[in-house]
Amino acid sequence: MQNIDPQMVANNMMPSMPVHPGTLLKEEIEYRGISQKQLAQQMGVSYSVLNEILNGKRPVSIEYALYLEAVLGIDAQLWIQMQADYNLQVAKSDSKINRHLLEIRKMVAAF
């Protein structure tokens, strides 16, 4: 397996675009025939905050993940993990963070 780009190995591949958990949540409630307004009411939260989550403008917090679990029956851990994966992928594609990581790695390699 010489000269194989590690990014091209299936287990190391990342989606080309990060997928916010709100996108998947929006698909789930559409599939179930639940409106955003209904879901917000069932969760006891603001429609505007829920809408921001569904549109990827706000993260799924632990609190909201627990509310989603109560209403939809989908484990809160799944929502939290999807948000963490999204955050990690966004951070890994951030050029400022990558430059800083390169500096850190160079400094550590010098020791």
C-alpha atoms as a PDB file:
ATOM      1  CA  MET A   1       0.000   0.000   0.000  1.00  0.00           C
ATOM      2  CA  GLN A   2       2.806   2.384  -0.841  1.00  0.00           C
ATOM      3  CA  ASN A   3       2.079   5.809  -2.291  1.00  0.00           C
ATOM      4  CA  ILE A   4      -1.575   5.705  -1.281  1.00  0.00           C
ATOM      5  CA  ASP A   5      -2.957   9.002  -0.068  1.00  0.00           C
ATOM      6  CA  PRO A   6      -4.316   8.375   3.478  1.00  0.00           C
ATOM      7  CA  GLN A   7      -7.247  10.669   2.632  1.00  0.00           C
ATOM      8  CA  MET A   8      -8.313   8.170  -0.022  1.00  0.00           C
ATOM      9  CA  VAL A   9      -8.548   5.204   2.353  1.00  0.00           C
ATOM     10  CA  ALA A  10     -12.238   4.582   3.074  1.00  0.00           C
ATOM     11  CA  ASN A  11     -11.920   4.752   6.867  1.00  0.00           C
ATOM     12  CA  ASN A  12     -10.138   8.111   6.651  1.00  0.00           C
ATOM     13  CA  MET A  13     -12.464   9.815   4.194  1.00  0.00           C
ATOM     14  CA  MET A  14     -14.514  12.796   5.290  1.00  0.00           C
ATOM     15  CA  PRO A  15     -17.609  14.076   3.511  1.00  0.00           C
ATOM     16  CA  SER A  16     -16.786  16.978   1.205  1.00  0.00           C
ATOM     17  CA  MET A  17     -19.232  19.190   3.079  1.00  0.00           C
ATOM     18  CA  PRO A  18     -19.951  18.924   6.806  1.00  0.00           C
ATOM     19  CA  VAL A  19     -23.569  17.996   7.494  1.00  0.00           C
ATOM     20  CA  HIS A  20     -25.108  19.854  10.415  1.00  0.00           C
ATOM     21  CA  PRO A  21     -27.387  17.683  12.580  1.00  0.00           C
ATOM     22  CA  GLY A  22     -30.149  20.250  12.023  1.00  0.00           C
ATOM     23  CA  THR A  23     -30.290  19.173   8.381  1.00  0.00           C
ATOM     24  CA  LEU A  24     -30.929  15.583   9.431  1.00  0.00           C
ATOM     25  CA  LEU A  25     -33.423  16.706  12.062  1.00  0.00           C
ATOM     26  CA  LYS A  26     -35.312  18.700   9.433  1.00  0.00           C
ATOM     27  CA  GLU A  27     -35.511  15.594   7.229  1.00  0.00           C
ATOM     28  CA  GLU A  28     -36.686  13.496  10.185  1.00  0.00           C
ATOM     29  CA  ILE A  29     -39.554  15.799  11.129  1.00  0.00           C
ATOM     30  CA  GLU A  30     -40.596  16.187   7.493  1.00  0.00           C
ATOM     31  CA  TYR A  31     -40.674  12.383   7.183  1.00  0.00           C
ATOM     32  CA  ARG A  32     -42.822  12.173  10.317  1.00  0.00           C
ATOM     33  CA  GLY A  33     -45.121  14.964   9.142  1.00  0.00           C
ATOM     34  CA  ILE A  34     -44.319  17.188  12.117  1.00  0.00           C
ATOM     35  CA  SER A  35     -44.089  20.930  11.523  1.00  0.00           C
ATOM     36  CA  GLN A  36     -41.299  23.004  13.023  1.00  0.00           C
ATOM     37  CA  LYS A  37     -43.895  24.870  15.069  1.00  0.00           C
ATOM     38  CA  GLN A  38     -45.332  21.599  16.422  1.00  0.00           C
ATOM     39  CA  LEU A  39     -41.897  20.287  17.343  1.00  0.00           C
ATOM     40  CA  ALA A  40     -40.976  23.516  19.114  1.00  0.00           C
ATOM     41  CA  GLN A  41     -44.225  23.371  21.094  1.00  0.00           C
ATOM     42  CA  GLN A  42     -43.726  19.708  22.008  1.00  0.00           C
ATOM     43  CA  MET A  43     -40.174  20.454  23.150  1.00  0.00           C
ATOM     44  CA  GLY A  44     -41.283  23.562  25.045  1.00  0.00           C
ATOM     45  CA  VAL A  45     -38.763  25.762  23.239  1.00  0.00           C
ATOM     46  CA  SER A  46     -38.768  28.850  21.069  1.00  0.00           C
ATOM     47  CA  TYR A  47     -39.670  28.328  17.414  1.00  0.00           C
ATOM     48  CA  SER A  48     -36.929  30.762  16.354  1.00  0.00           C
ATOM     49  CA  VAL A  49     -34.200  28.843  18.208  1.00  0.00           C
ATOM     50  CA  LEU A  50     -35.393  25.523  16.777  1.00  0.00           C
ATOM     51  CA  ASN A  51     -35.475  27.070  13.299  1.00  0.00           C
ATOM     52  CA  GLU A  52     -31.856  28.214  13.726  1.00  0.00           C
ATOM     53  CA  ILE A  53     -30.860  24.652  14.641  1.00  0.00           C
ATOM     54  CA  LEU A  54     -32.733  23.228  11.656  1.00  0.00           C
ATOM     55  CA  ASN A  55     -30.959  25.695   9.372  1.00  0.00           C
ATOM     56  CA  GLY A  56     -27.498  24.974  10.791  1.00  0.00           C
ATOM     57  CA  LYS A  57     -27.094  28.381  12.425  1.00  0.00           C
ATOM     58  CA  ARG A  58     -27.092  27.080  16.002  1.00  0.00           C
ATOM     59  CA  PRO A  59     -25.612  23.878  17.447  1.00  0.00           C
ATOM     60  CA  VAL A  60     -27.648  21.076  18.982  1.00  0.00           C
ATOM     61  CA  SER A  61     -26.870  21.547  22.674  1.00  0.00           C
ATOM     62  CA  ILE A  62     -27.031  18.738  25.203  1.00  0.00           C
ATOM     63  CA  GLU A  63     -30.245  20.259  26.544  1.00  0.00           C
ATOM     64  CA  TYR A  64     -31.869  20.269  23.104  1.00  0.00           C
ATOM     65  CA  ALA A  65     -30.597  16.765  22.383  1.00  0.00           C
ATOM     66  CA  LEU A  66     -32.399  15.589  25.523  1.00  0.00           C
ATOM     67  CA  TYR A  67     -35.585  17.387  24.444  1.00  0.00           C
ATOM     68  CA  LEU A  68     -35.355  15.792  21.006  1.00  0.00           C
ATOM     69  CA  GLU A  69     -34.919  12.391  22.611  1.00  0.00           C
ATOM     70  CA  ALA A  70     -38.055  12.947  24.711  1.00  0.00           C
ATOM     71  CA  VAL A  71     -40.160  14.042  21.731  1.00  0.00           C
ATOM     72  CA  LEU A  72     -38.804  11.900  18.895  1.00  0.00           C
ATOM     73  CA  GLY A  73     -37.439   8.879  20.751  1.00  0.00           C
ATOM     74  CA  ILE A  74     -34.026   9.295  19.107  1.00  0.00           C
ATOM     75  CA  ASP A  75     -31.189   8.873  21.608  1.00  0.00           C
ATOM     76  CA  ALA A  76     -29.706  12.193  22.766  1.00  0.00           C
ATOM     77  CA  GLN A  77     -26.236  10.690  22.387  1.00  0.00           C
ATOM     78  CA  LEU A  78     -26.773  10.445  18.631  1.00  0.00           C
ATOM     79  CA  TRP A  79     -27.585  14.168  18.326  1.00  0.00           C
ATOM     80  CA  ILE A  80     -24.625  15.080  20.520  1.00  0.00           C
ATOM     81  CA  GLN A  81     -22.259  12.865  18.513  1.00  0.00           C
ATOM     82  CA  MET A  82     -23.507  14.263  15.206  1.00  0.00           C
ATOM     83  CA  GLN A  83     -22.899  17.799  16.497  1.00  0.00           C
ATOM     84  CA  ALA A  84     -19.406  16.874  17.736  1.00  0.00           C
ATOM     85  CA  ASP A  85     -18.563  15.249  14.384  1.00  0.00           C
ATOM     86  CA  TYR A  86     -19.819  18.332  12.542  1.00  0.00           C
ATOM     87  CA  ASN A  87     -17.805  20.666  14.792  1.00  0.00           C
ATOM     88  CA  LEU A  88     -14.661  18.578  14.316  1.00  0.00           C
ATOM     89  CA  GLN A  89     -15.013  18.486  10.548  1.00  0.00           C
ATOM     90  CA  VAL A  90     -15.580  22.250  10.386  1.00  0.00           C
ATOM     91  CA  ALA A  91     -12.549  22.850  12.608  1.00  0.00           C
ATOM     92  CA  LYS A  92     -10.344  20.535  10.532  1.00  0.00           C
ATOM     93  CA  SER A  93     -11.201  22.495   7.401  1.00  0.00           C
ATOM     94  CA  ASP A  94     -10.492  25.883   9.005  1.00  0.00           C
ATOM     95  CA  SER A  95      -7.302  27.327   7.510  1.00  0.00           C
ATOM     96  CA  LYS A  96      -6.481  29.415  10.603  1.00  0.00           C
ATOM     97  CA  ILE A  97      -6.689  26.371  12.848  1.00  0.00           C
ATOM     98  CA  ASN A  98      -4.637  24.330  10.377  1.00  0.00           C
ATOM     99  CA  ARG A  99      -1.886  26.966  10.307  1.00  0.00           C
ATOM    100  CA  HIS A 100      -1.794  27.008  14.098  1.00  0.00           C
ATOM    101  CA  LEU A 101      -1.677  23.193  14.234  1.00  0.00           C
ATOM    102  CA  LEU A 102       1.236  23.213  11.788  1.00  0.00           C
ATOM    103  CA  GLU A 103       3.112  25.649  14.046  1.00  0.00           C
ATOM    104  CA  ILE A 104       2.427  23.457  17.078  1.00  0.00           C
ATOM    105  CA  ARG A 105       3.589  20.308  15.280  1.00  0.00           C
ATOM    106  CA  LYS A 106       6.796  22.008  14.137  1.00  0.00           C
ATOM    107  CA  MET A 107       7.498  23.219  17.659  1.00  0.00           C
ATOM    108  CA  VAL A 108       6.835  19.794  19.189  1.00  0.00           C
ATOM    109  CA  ALA A 109       8.978  18.061  16.556  1.00  0.00           C
ATOM    110  CA  ALA A 110      11.921  20.254  17.567  1.00  0.00           C
ATOM    111  CA  PHE A 111      11.980  18.755  21.074  1.00  0.00           C
END
